[in-house]
Amino acid sequence: MDNLVSTAWLAAELGKPDLMVFDTTKYLPNEPHDGRAKYAEAHVPGADYFDIDLIADPDATLPHMIPSAARFEKLMGLLGVSNAARIVFYDQKGLASAARGWWLMRLFGHTQAAVLDGGLPKWVKEGRPTEAGPPPPRDSAEFVADFQAELVRGIGDVKRIVRQGGGGALILDARAKGRFDGTAPEPRPGLPSGHMPGAANVPFNELLKPDQTMLEPEALRARFTAAGVTMERPVVTSCGTGVTACILSLGLVQAGFPEPAVYDGSWTEWAGRPETPKVHA
């Protein structure tokens, strides 16, 4: 199963018993929408809602931090997801938060997961069917996690990377240039903008075409190479809260680079800690 699938592919596969589809929409605090409510208004037929705030560590003070393997197993089982399932994630914007679902599945050892290229907007624009209402009833399933620690980094890891300077991993930040430079505000009140020393900026929307589908692999390679990505140097992706960082991870995989790690706490954690160094324009 490819990591990125087309609307035509999904239309042909929809309804097969091993295929599960999830709306993974997460809106920013400054966006006046609710992903679950809009899912109930219109979603791909048979799709369920994958709530990244629920499928997270309930005790963390930071937003949607990764859950324990046991919690992930339990919640996947309640959603009817087994280790034999093929899973497609999409979102209501095009390609904004769906990659977080894809990355979470990979983090817990499930590689039969993909992102719908262009998401719900492309699906609707092509005149494909939608349905409204609550999630469909699911029989519970058994899901066994196989945690892949190399795909995630914590603040201690990133502090070491920053101390190492150019000799460590490359941090790629998916936020908009103004937020990265410190010239535009963060969407979360009270959080300063800026970036980690040594980080490079690849705004996630620069990986997307106007229709919100992802660039071709050669164009992705060119954009990442311009930011300093090489085949040899490890990469850690970051953003505001670890959501759009996963788009960079997906793009790197599509471009043929080694799969990076995601800094789960991302800028919200880093900027909120008084001891961490920050760079502002």
C-alpha atoms as a PDB file:
ATOM      1  CA  MET A   1       0.000   0.000   0.000  1.00  0.00           C
ATOM      2  CA  ASP A   2       1.396   3.392  -0.980  1.00  0.00           C
ATOM      3  CA  ASN A   3       1.807   6.085   1.677  1.00  0.00           C
ATOM      4  CA  LEU A   4      -0.170   8.523  -0.483  1.00  0.00           C
ATOM      5  CA  VAL A   5      -3.270   7.380  -2.376  1.00  0.00           C
ATOM      6  CA  SER A   6      -5.443   9.160  -4.936  1.00  0.00           C
ATOM      7  CA  THR A   7      -9.162   9.826  -4.782  1.00  0.00           C
ATOM      8  CA  ALA A   8      -9.595   7.464  -7.740  1.00  0.00           C
ATOM      9  CA  TRP A   9      -7.804   4.698  -5.839  1.00  0.00           C
ATOM     10  CA  LEU A  10      -9.975   5.223  -2.770  1.00  0.00           C
ATOM     11  CA  ALA A  11     -13.172   5.250  -4.827  1.00  0.00           C
ATOM     12  CA  ALA A  12     -12.196   1.888  -6.323  1.00  0.00           C
ATOM     13  CA  GLU A  13     -11.269   0.357  -2.944  1.00  0.00           C
ATOM     14  CA  LEU A  14     -14.065   1.851  -0.841  1.00  0.00           C
ATOM     15  CA  GLY A  15     -16.271  -0.786   0.770  1.00  0.00           C
ATOM     16  CA  LYS A  16     -13.682  -3.572   0.802  1.00  0.00           C
ATOM     17  CA  PRO A  17     -13.821  -5.312   4.185  1.00  0.00           C
ATOM     18  CA  ASP A  18     -10.174  -4.750   5.122  1.00  0.00           C
ATOM     19  CA  LEU A  19     -10.186  -1.020   4.284  1.00  0.00           C
ATOM     20  CA  MET A  20     -10.914   1.596   6.943  1.00  0.00           C
ATOM     21  CA  VAL A  21     -11.181   5.333   6.283  1.00  0.00           C
ATOM     22  CA  PHE A  22     -10.780   8.062   8.899  1.00  0.00           C
ATOM     23  CA  ASP A  23     -11.403  11.801   8.913  1.00  0.00           C
ATOM     24  CA  THR A  24      -8.447  13.120  10.937  1.00  0.00           C
ATOM     25  CA  THR A  25      -9.244  16.844  10.846  1.00  0.00           C
ATOM     26  CA  LYS A  26      -7.769  19.078  13.537  1.00  0.00           C
ATOM     27  CA  TYR A  27      -8.354  22.832  13.378  1.00  0.00           C
ATOM     28  CA  LEU A  28      -5.995  25.373  14.958  1.00  0.00           C
ATOM     29  CA  PRO A  29      -7.151  27.433  17.963  1.00  0.00           C
ATOM     30  CA  ASN A  30      -7.628  30.477  15.717  1.00  0.00           C
ATOM     31  CA  GLU A  31      -9.837  28.587  13.242  1.00  0.00           C
ATOM     32  CA  PRO A  32     -13.597  28.786  14.018  1.00  0.00           C
ATOM     33  CA  HIS A  33     -14.418  25.184  13.151  1.00  0.00           C
ATOM     34  CA  ASP A  34     -14.810  21.861  14.918  1.00  0.00           C
ATOM     35  CA  GLY A  35     -13.514  18.827  13.051  1.00  0.00           C
ATOM     36  CA  ARG A  36     -15.916  16.334  14.573  1.00  0.00           C
ATOM     37  CA  ALA A  37     -18.951  18.550  13.951  1.00  0.00           C
ATOM     38  CA  LYS A  38     -18.002  19.092  10.328  1.00  0.00           C
ATOM     39  CA  TYR A  39     -17.362  15.358   9.958  1.00  0.00           C
ATOM     40  CA  ALA A  40     -20.984  14.807  10.999  1.00  0.00           C
ATOM     41  CA  GLU A  41     -22.111  17.206   8.241  1.00  0.00           C
ATOM     42  CA  ALA A  42     -20.267  15.417   5.432  1.00  0.00           C
ATOM     43  CA  HIS A  43     -17.692  12.649   5.224  1.00  0.00           C
ATOM     44  CA  VAL A  44     -16.483   9.929   2.879  1.00  0.00           C
ATOM     45  CA  PRO A  45     -19.025   7.071   3.007  1.00  0.00           C
ATOM     46  CA  GLY A  46     -18.189   4.632   5.788  1.00  0.00           C
ATOM     47  CA  ALA A  47     -15.489   6.852   7.283  1.00  0.00           C
ATOM     48  CA  ASP A  48     -15.076   7.195  11.028  1.00  0.00           C
ATOM     49  CA  TYR A  49     -13.603  10.141  12.944  1.00  0.00           C
ATOM     50  CA  PHE A  50     -10.028   9.849  14.225  1.00  0.00           C
ATOM     51  CA  ASP A  51      -9.687  12.366  17.060  1.00  0.00           C
ATOM     52  CA  ILE A  52      -6.006  13.180  17.574  1.00  0.00           C
ATOM     53  CA  ASP A  53      -6.864  14.947  20.843  1.00  0.00           C
ATOM     54  CA  LEU A  54      -8.414  11.722  22.140  1.00  0.00           C
ATOM     55  CA  ILE A  55      -5.840   9.332  20.697  1.00  0.00           C
ATOM     56  CA  ALA A  56      -3.201  10.999  22.841  1.00  0.00           C
ATOM     57  CA  ASP A  57      -1.746  11.089  26.337  1.00  0.00           C
ATOM     58  CA  PRO A  58      -4.640  12.244  28.567  1.00  0.00           C
ATOM     59  CA  ASP A  59      -2.268  13.430  31.309  1.00  0.00           C
ATOM     60  CA  ALA A  60      -0.021  15.604  29.165  1.00  0.00           C
ATOM     61  CA  THR A  61      -0.264  19.367  29.508  1.00  0.00           C
ATOM     62  CA  LEU A  62       0.769  19.798  25.865  1.00  0.00           C
ATOM     63  CA  PRO A  63      -1.783  19.196  23.088  1.00  0.00           C
ATOM     64  CA  HIS A  64      -2.238  15.719  21.563  1.00  0.00           C
ATOM     65  CA  MET A  65       1.048  14.183  22.743  1.00  0.00           C
ATOM     66  CA  ILE A  66       1.499  10.540  21.750  1.00  0.00           C
ATOM     67  CA  PRO A  67      -0.338   7.989  23.898  1.00  0.00           C
ATOM     68  CA  SER A  68       1.193   4.940  25.512  1.00  0.00           C
ATOM     69  CA  ALA A  69       1.247   1.775  23.439  1.00  0.00           C
ATOM     70  CA  ALA A  70      -1.430   0.297  25.718  1.00  0.00           C
ATOM     71  CA  ARG A  71      -3.768   3.271  25.246  1.00  0.00           C
ATOM     72  CA  PHE A  72      -3.202   3.239  21.493  1.00  0.00           C
ATOM     73  CA  GLU A  73      -4.012  -0.478  21.350  1.00  0.00           C
ATOM     74  CA  LYS A  74      -7.203   0.042  23.356  1.00  0.00           C
ATOM     75  CA  LEU A  75      -8.451   2.970  21.265  1.00  0.00           C
ATOM     76  CA  MET A  76      -7.624   1.316  17.960  1.00  0.00           C
ATOM     77  CA  GLY A  77      -9.487  -1.766  19.092  1.00  0.00           C
ATOM     78  CA  LEU A  78     -12.548   0.325  19.977  1.00  0.00           C
ATOM     79  CA  LEU A  79     -12.434   1.859  16.501  1.00  0.00           C
ATOM     80  CA  GLY A  80     -12.431  -1.636  15.024  1.00  0.00           C
ATOM     81  CA  VAL A  81      -8.854  -1.425  13.762  1.00  0.00           C
ATOM     82  CA  SER A  82      -6.933  -4.703  13.634  1.00  0.00           C
ATOM     83  CA  ASN A  83      -3.380  -5.347  12.497  1.00  0.00           C
ATOM     84  CA  ALA A  84      -4.785  -6.685   9.218  1.00  0.00           C
ATOM     85  CA  ALA A  85      -6.568  -3.421   8.324  1.00  0.00           C
ATOM     86  CA  ARG A  86      -5.593  -1.094   5.528  1.00  0.00           C
ATOM     87  CA  ILE A  87      -6.183   2.475   6.665  1.00  0.00           C
ATOM     88  CA  VAL A  88      -6.646   5.729   4.760  1.00  0.00           C
ATOM     89  CA  PHE A  89      -6.583   9.072   6.572  1.00  0.00           C
ATOM     90  CA  TYR A  90      -7.956  12.308   5.138  1.00  0.00           C
ATOM     91  CA  ASP A  91      -8.814  15.768   6.403  1.00  0.00           C
ATOM     92  CA  GLN A  92     -11.290  18.503   5.581  1.00  0.00           C
ATOM     93  CA  LYS A  93      -8.676  21.060   4.464  1.00  0.00           C
ATOM     94  CA  GLY A  94      -6.912  18.967   1.838  1.00  0.00           C
ATOM     95  CA  LEU A  95      -3.669  17.886   3.445  1.00  0.00           C
ATOM     96  CA  ALA A  96      -3.162  19.424   6.880  1.00  0.00           C
ATOM     97  CA  SER A  97      -3.729  16.947   9.720  1.00  0.00           C
ATOM     98  CA  ALA A  98      -4.263  13.597   7.980  1.00  0.00           C
ATOM     99  CA  ALA A  99      -0.542  12.857   8.030  1.00  0.00           C
ATOM    100  CA  ARG A 100      -0.656  12.814  11.841  1.00  0.00           C
ATOM    101  CA  GLY A 101      -2.869   9.718  11.696  1.00  0.00           C
ATOM    102  CA  TRP A 102      -0.525   8.106   9.157  1.00  0.00           C
ATOM    103  CA  TRP A 103       2.488   8.829  11.364  1.00  0.00           C
ATOM    104  CA  LEU A 104       0.815   7.532  14.525  1.00  0.00           C
ATOM    105  CA  MET A 105       0.072   4.229  12.825  1.00  0.00           C
ATOM    106  CA  ARG A 106       3.700   3.935  11.709  1.00  0.00           C
ATOM    107  CA  LEU A 107       4.920   4.924  15.183  1.00  0.00           C
ATOM    108  CA  PHE A 108       3.027   1.958  16.596  1.00  0.00           C
ATOM    109  CA  GLY A 109       4.232  -0.425  13.902  1.00  0.00           C
ATOM    110  CA  HIS A 110       1.381  -0.403  11.382  1.00  0.00           C
ATOM    111  CA  THR A 111       2.680   0.385   7.894  1.00  0.00           C
ATOM    112  CA  GLN A 112      -0.535  -0.406   5.996  1.00  0.00           C
ATOM    113  CA  ALA A 113      -1.644   3.212   6.304  1.00  0.00           C
ATOM    114  CA  ALA A 114      -1.940   6.022   3.774  1.00  0.00           C
ATOM    115  CA  VAL A 115      -2.997   9.639   3.348  1.00  0.00           C
ATOM    116  CA  LEU A 116      -5.652  10.640   0.812  1.00  0.00           C
ATOM    117  CA  ASP A 117      -3.976  13.068  -1.584  1.00  0.00           C
ATOM    118  CA  GLY A 118      -6.054  16.249  -1.731  1.00  0.00           C
ATOM    119  CA  GLY A 119      -8.352  15.104   1.061  1.00  0.00           C
ATOM    120  CA  LEU A 120     -12.067  15.776   1.290  1.00  0.00           C
ATOM    121  CA  PRO A 121     -11.989  18.963  -0.860  1.00  0.00           C
ATOM    122  CA  LYS A 122     -10.659  17.046  -3.871  1.00  0.00           C
ATOM    123  CA  TRP A 123     -13.080  14.178  -3.233  1.00  0.00           C
ATOM    124  CA  VAL A 124     -16.053  16.589  -3.181  1.00  0.00           C
ATOM    125  CA  LYS A 125     -14.828  18.655  -6.137  1.00  0.00           C
ATOM    126  CA  GLU A 126     -14.774  15.503  -8.243  1.00  0.00           C
ATOM    127  CA  GLY A 127     -18.421  14.869  -7.416  1.00  0.00           C
ATOM    128  CA  ARG A 128     -17.785  11.777  -5.322  1.00  0.00           C
ATOM    129  CA  PRO A 129     -20.385  10.809  -2.709  1.00  0.00           C
ATOM    130  CA  THR A 130     -20.453  11.869   0.924  1.00  0.00           C
ATOM    131  CA  GLU A 131     -22.734  11.001   3.806  1.00  0.00           C
ATOM    132  CA  ALA A 132     -23.741  12.741   7.028  1.00  0.00           C
ATOM    133  CA  GLY A 133     -24.364  11.610  10.571  1.00  0.00           C
ATOM    134  CA  PRO A 134     -22.479   9.902  13.399  1.00  0.00           C
ATOM    135  CA  PRO A 135     -19.731   7.297  12.940  1.00  0.00           C
ATOM    136  CA  PRO A 136     -20.901   3.871  11.789  1.00  0.00           C
ATOM    137  CA  PRO A 137     -21.179   1.134  14.433  1.00  0.00           C
ATOM    138  CA  ARG A 138     -17.996  -0.915  14.753  1.00  0.00           C
ATOM    139  CA  ASP A 139     -17.247  -4.317  16.194  1.00  0.00           C
ATOM    140  CA  SER A 140     -14.253  -4.118  18.499  1.00  0.00           C
ATOM    141  CA  ALA A 141     -11.010  -5.588  17.233  1.00  0.00           C
ATOM    142  CA  GLU A 142      -7.619  -6.533  18.595  1.00  0.00           C
ATOM    143  CA  PHE A 143      -4.701  -4.290  17.722  1.00  0.00           C
ATOM    144  CA  VAL A 144      -1.179  -5.095  18.889  1.00  0.00           C
ATOM    145  CA  ALA A 145       1.268  -2.190  18.852  1.00  0.00           C
ATOM    146  CA  ASP A 146       4.938  -2.468  17.892  1.00  0.00           C
ATOM    147  CA  PHE A 147       6.378   0.844  19.066  1.00  0.00           C
ATOM    148  CA  GLN A 148       9.025   2.322  16.754  1.00  0.00           C
ATOM    149  CA  ALA A 149      11.028   4.603  19.051  1.00  0.00           C
ATOM    150  CA  GLU A 150      13.232   5.912  16.247  1.00  0.00           C
ATOM    151  CA  LEU A 151      10.266   7.794  14.747  1.00  0.00           C
ATOM    152  CA  VAL A 152       9.765  10.193  17.672  1.00  0.00           C
ATOM    153  CA  ARG A 153      11.942  12.630  19.617  1.00  0.00           C
ATOM    154  CA  GLY A 154      11.425  14.411  22.922  1.00  0.00           C
ATOM    155  CA  ILE A 155      12.732  17.703  24.224  1.00  0.00           C
ATOM    156  CA  GLY A 156      15.859  16.114  25.675  1.00  0.00           C
ATOM    157  CA  ASP A 157      16.767  14.750  22.254  1.00  0.00           C
ATOM    158  CA  VAL A 158      16.221  18.123  20.609  1.00  0.00           C
ATOM    159  CA  LYS A 159      18.285  19.923  23.256  1.00  0.00           C
ATOM    160  CA  ARG A 160      21.187  17.600  22.385  1.00  0.00           C
ATOM    161  CA  ILE A 161      20.707  18.271  18.675  1.00  0.00           C
ATOM    162  CA  VAL A 162      20.806  22.033  19.283  1.00  0.00           C
ATOM    163  CA  ARG A 163      23.948  21.695  21.422  1.00  0.00           C
ATOM    164  CA  GLN A 164      25.625  19.664  18.689  1.00  0.00           C
ATOM    165  CA  GLY A 165      24.963  22.370  16.120  1.00  0.00           C
ATOM    166  CA  GLY A 166      25.797  21.331  12.566  1.00  0.00           C
ATOM    167  CA  GLY A 167      27.119  17.961  13.674  1.00  0.00           C
ATOM    168  CA  GLY A 168      23.772  16.538  14.728  1.00  0.00           C
ATOM    169  CA  ALA A 169      20.439  15.972  13.074  1.00  0.00           C
ATOM    170  CA  LEU A 170      18.760  18.618  10.939  1.00  0.00           C
ATOM    171  CA  ILE A 171      15.592  20.086  12.451  1.00  0.00           C
ATOM    172  CA  LEU A 172      12.984  20.920   9.799  1.00  0.00           C
ATOM    173  CA  ASP A 173      10.198  23.254  10.929  1.00  0.00           C
ATOM    174  CA  ALA A 174       6.888  23.089   9.041  1.00  0.00           C
ATOM    175  CA  ARG A 175       5.430  26.387  10.307  1.00  0.00           C
ATOM    176  CA  ALA A 176       4.862  29.437   8.107  1.00  0.00           C
ATOM    177  CA  LYS A 177       7.924  31.610   7.518  1.00  0.00           C
ATOM    178  CA  GLY A 178       6.665  34.496   9.664  1.00  0.00           C
ATOM    179  CA  ARG A 179       6.118  32.246  12.658  1.00  0.00           C
ATOM    180  CA  PHE A 180       9.538  30.650  12.121  1.00  0.00           C
ATOM    181  CA  ASP A 181      11.276  34.030  11.794  1.00  0.00           C
ATOM    182  CA  GLY A 182       9.454  35.497  14.760  1.00  0.00           C
ATOM    183  CA  THR A 183       7.768  38.207  12.679  1.00  0.00           C
ATOM    184  CA  ALA A 184       4.243  36.744  12.850  1.00  0.00           C
ATOM    185  CA  PRO A 185       2.347  35.593  15.953  1.00  0.00           C
ATOM    186  CA  GLU A 186       1.687  32.029  16.994  1.00  0.00           C
ATOM    187  CA  PRO A 187      -1.977  30.930  16.981  1.00  0.00           C
ATOM    188  CA  ARG A 188      -1.738  29.999  20.658  1.00  0.00           C
ATOM    189  CA  PRO A 189      -2.124  33.002  22.988  1.00  0.00           C
ATOM    190  CA  GLY A 190       0.986  33.909  24.968  1.00  0.00           C
ATOM    191  CA  LEU A 191       3.344  31.722  22.958  1.00  0.00           C
ATOM    192  CA  PRO A 192       6.219  33.598  21.296  1.00  0.00           C
ATOM    193  CA  SER A 193       7.168  32.861  17.711  1.00  0.00           C
ATOM    194  CA  GLY A 194      10.697  32.117  16.506  1.00  0.00           C
ATOM    195  CA  HIS A 195      12.655  28.893  16.084  1.00  0.00           C
ATOM    196  CA  MET A 196      15.254  26.543  17.519  1.00  0.00           C
ATOM    197  CA  PRO A 197      18.900  27.402  16.795  1.00  0.00           C
ATOM    198  CA  GLY A 198      20.087  25.638  13.656  1.00  0.00           C
ATOM    199  CA  ALA A 199      16.605  24.705  12.437  1.00  0.00           C
ATOM    200  CA  ALA A 200      15.640  25.058   8.770  1.00  0.00           C
ATOM    201  CA  ASN A 201      12.208  26.167   7.594  1.00  0.00           C
ATOM    202  CA  VAL A 202      10.130  24.186   5.084  1.00  0.00           C
ATOM    203  CA  PRO A 203       6.549  25.490   5.395  1.00  0.00           C
ATOM    204  CA  PHE A 204       4.332  22.476   4.819  1.00  0.00           C
ATOM    205  CA  ASN A 205       2.209  24.262   2.213  1.00  0.00           C
ATOM    206  CA  GLU A 206       5.298  24.556  -0.002  1.00  0.00           C
ATOM    207  CA  LEU A 207       5.044  20.788  -0.479  1.00  0.00           C
ATOM    208  CA  LEU A 208       1.522  21.086  -1.878  1.00  0.00           C
ATOM    209  CA  LYS A 209       0.008  22.037  -5.213  1.00  0.00           C
ATOM    210  CA  PRO A 210      -2.905  24.514  -5.411  1.00  0.00           C
ATOM    211  CA  ASP A 211      -5.380  21.622  -5.173  1.00  0.00           C
ATOM    212  CA  GLN A 212      -3.718  20.509  -1.908  1.00  0.00           C
ATOM    213  CA  THR A 213      -2.211  17.394  -3.426  1.00  0.00           C
ATOM    214  CA  MET A 214       1.448  16.722  -2.743  1.00  0.00           C
ATOM    215  CA  LEU A 215       4.185  17.697  -5.181  1.00  0.00           C
ATOM    216  CA  GLU A 216       5.806  15.027  -7.317  1.00  0.00           C
ATOM    217  CA  PRO A 217       8.795  13.217  -5.739  1.00  0.00           C
ATOM    218  CA  GLU A 218      11.409  15.077  -7.787  1.00  0.00           C
ATOM    219  CA  ALA A 219       9.970  18.470  -6.785  1.00  0.00           C
ATOM    220  CA  LEU A 220       9.874  17.365  -3.152  1.00  0.00           C
ATOM    221  CA  ARG A 221      13.514  16.281  -3.351  1.00  0.00           C
ATOM    222  CA  ALA A 222      14.497  19.659  -4.746  1.00  0.00           C
ATOM    223  CA  ARG A 223      12.697  21.549  -1.962  1.00  0.00           C
ATOM    224  CA  PHE A 224      14.187  19.423   0.794  1.00  0.00           C
ATOM    225  CA  THR A 225      17.660  19.500  -0.712  1.00  0.00           C
ATOM    226  CA  ALA A 226      17.494  23.303  -0.805  1.00  0.00           C
ATOM    227  CA  ALA A 227      16.770  23.222   2.940  1.00  0.00           C
ATOM    228  CA  GLY A 228      19.887  21.144   3.603  1.00  0.00           C
ATOM    229  CA  VAL A 229      18.465  17.613   3.642  1.00  0.00           C
ATOM    230  CA  THR A 230      20.862  14.867   2.588  1.00  0.00           C
ATOM    231  CA  MET A 231      20.618  11.095   2.517  1.00  0.00           C
ATOM    232  CA  GLU A 232      23.218  10.834   5.283  1.00  0.00           C
ATOM    233  CA  ARG A 233      22.083  13.368   7.890  1.00  0.00           C
ATOM    234  CA  PRO A 234      19.207  12.406  10.209  1.00  0.00           C
ATOM    235  CA  VAL A 235      16.173  14.694  10.136  1.00  0.00           C
ATOM    236  CA  VAL A 236      13.752  15.653  12.914  1.00  0.00           C
ATOM    237  CA  THR A 237      10.552  17.382  11.826  1.00  0.00           C
ATOM    238  CA  SER A 238       8.788  19.953  13.987  1.00  0.00           C
ATOM    239  CA  CYS A 239       5.909  22.448  13.792  1.00  0.00           C
ATOM    240  CA  GLY A 240       3.522  23.999  16.310  1.00  0.00           C
ATOM    241  CA  THR A 241       2.214  20.883  18.067  1.00  0.00           C
ATOM    242  CA  GLY A 242       3.480  17.926  16.026  1.00  0.00           C
ATOM    243  CA  VAL A 243       0.706  17.794  13.417  1.00  0.00           C
ATOM    244  CA  THR A 244       1.979  19.468  10.244  1.00  0.00           C
ATOM    245  CA  ALA A 245       5.466  18.150  11.064  1.00  0.00           C
ATOM    246  CA  CYS A 246       4.031  14.825   9.931  1.00  0.00           C
ATOM    247  CA  ILE A 247       3.412  16.326   6.471  1.00  0.00           C
ATOM    248  CA  LEU A 248       7.145  16.960   6.210  1.00  0.00           C
ATOM    249  CA  SER A 249       7.755  13.370   7.298  1.00  0.00           C
ATOM    250  CA  LEU A 250       5.364  12.103   4.626  1.00  0.00           C
ATOM    251  CA  GLY A 251       6.992  14.358   2.038  1.00  0.00           C
ATOM    252  CA  LEU A 252      10.471  13.126   2.932  1.00  0.00           C
ATOM    253  CA  VAL A 253       9.354   9.509   2.549  1.00  0.00           C
ATOM    254  CA  GLN A 254       7.686  10.317  -0.783  1.00  0.00           C
ATOM    255  CA  ALA A 255      10.879  12.035  -1.928  1.00  0.00           C
ATOM    256  CA  GLY A 256      12.935   8.935  -1.186  1.00  0.00           C
ATOM    257  CA  PHE A 257      14.814  10.237   1.854  1.00  0.00           C
ATOM    258  CA  PRO A 258      15.187   8.119   5.019  1.00  0.00           C
ATOM    259  CA  GLU A 259      12.153   8.376   7.272  1.00  0.00           C
ATOM    260  CA  PRO A 260      12.662  11.136   9.859  1.00  0.00           C
ATOM    261  CA  ALA A 261      11.605  11.411  13.477  1.00  0.00           C
ATOM    262  CA  VAL A 262       8.933  13.850  14.684  1.00  0.00           C
ATOM    263  CA  TYR A 263       9.548  16.154  17.642  1.00  0.00           C
ATOM    264  CA  ASP A 264       6.214  15.531  19.319  1.00  0.00           C
ATOM    265  CA  GLY A 265       6.152  18.558  21.625  1.00  0.00           C
ATOM    266  CA  SER A 266       7.382  20.801  18.792  1.00  0.00           C
ATOM    267  CA  TRP A 267       7.469  24.581  19.134  1.00  0.00           C
ATOM    268  CA  THR A 268       4.703  24.729  21.749  1.00  0.00           C
ATOM    269  CA  GLU A 269       6.865  22.750  24.164  1.00  0.00           C
ATOM    270  CA  TRP A 270      10.172  24.379  23.174  1.00  0.00           C
ATOM    271  CA  ALA A 271       8.894  27.969  23.317  1.00  0.00           C
ATOM    272  CA  GLY A 272       7.110  27.324  26.590  1.00  0.00           C
ATOM    273  CA  ARG A 273      10.280  26.241  28.406  1.00  0.00           C
ATOM    274  CA  PRO A 274      12.337  29.097  29.905  1.00  0.00           C
ATOM    275  CA  GLU A 275      15.691  27.318  29.600  1.00  0.00           C
ATOM    276  CA  THR A 276      15.563  26.596  25.852  1.00  0.00           C
ATOM    277  CA  PRO A 277      17.352  28.937  23.408  1.00  0.00           C
ATOM    278  CA  LYS A 278      15.151  30.664  20.839  1.00  0.00           C
ATOM    279  CA  VAL A 279      16.010  32.538  17.668  1.00  0.00           C
ATOM    280  CA  HIS A 280      13.938  35.551  16.591  1.00  0.00           C
ATOM    281  CA  ALA A 281      14.366  37.753  13.521  1.00  0.00           C
END
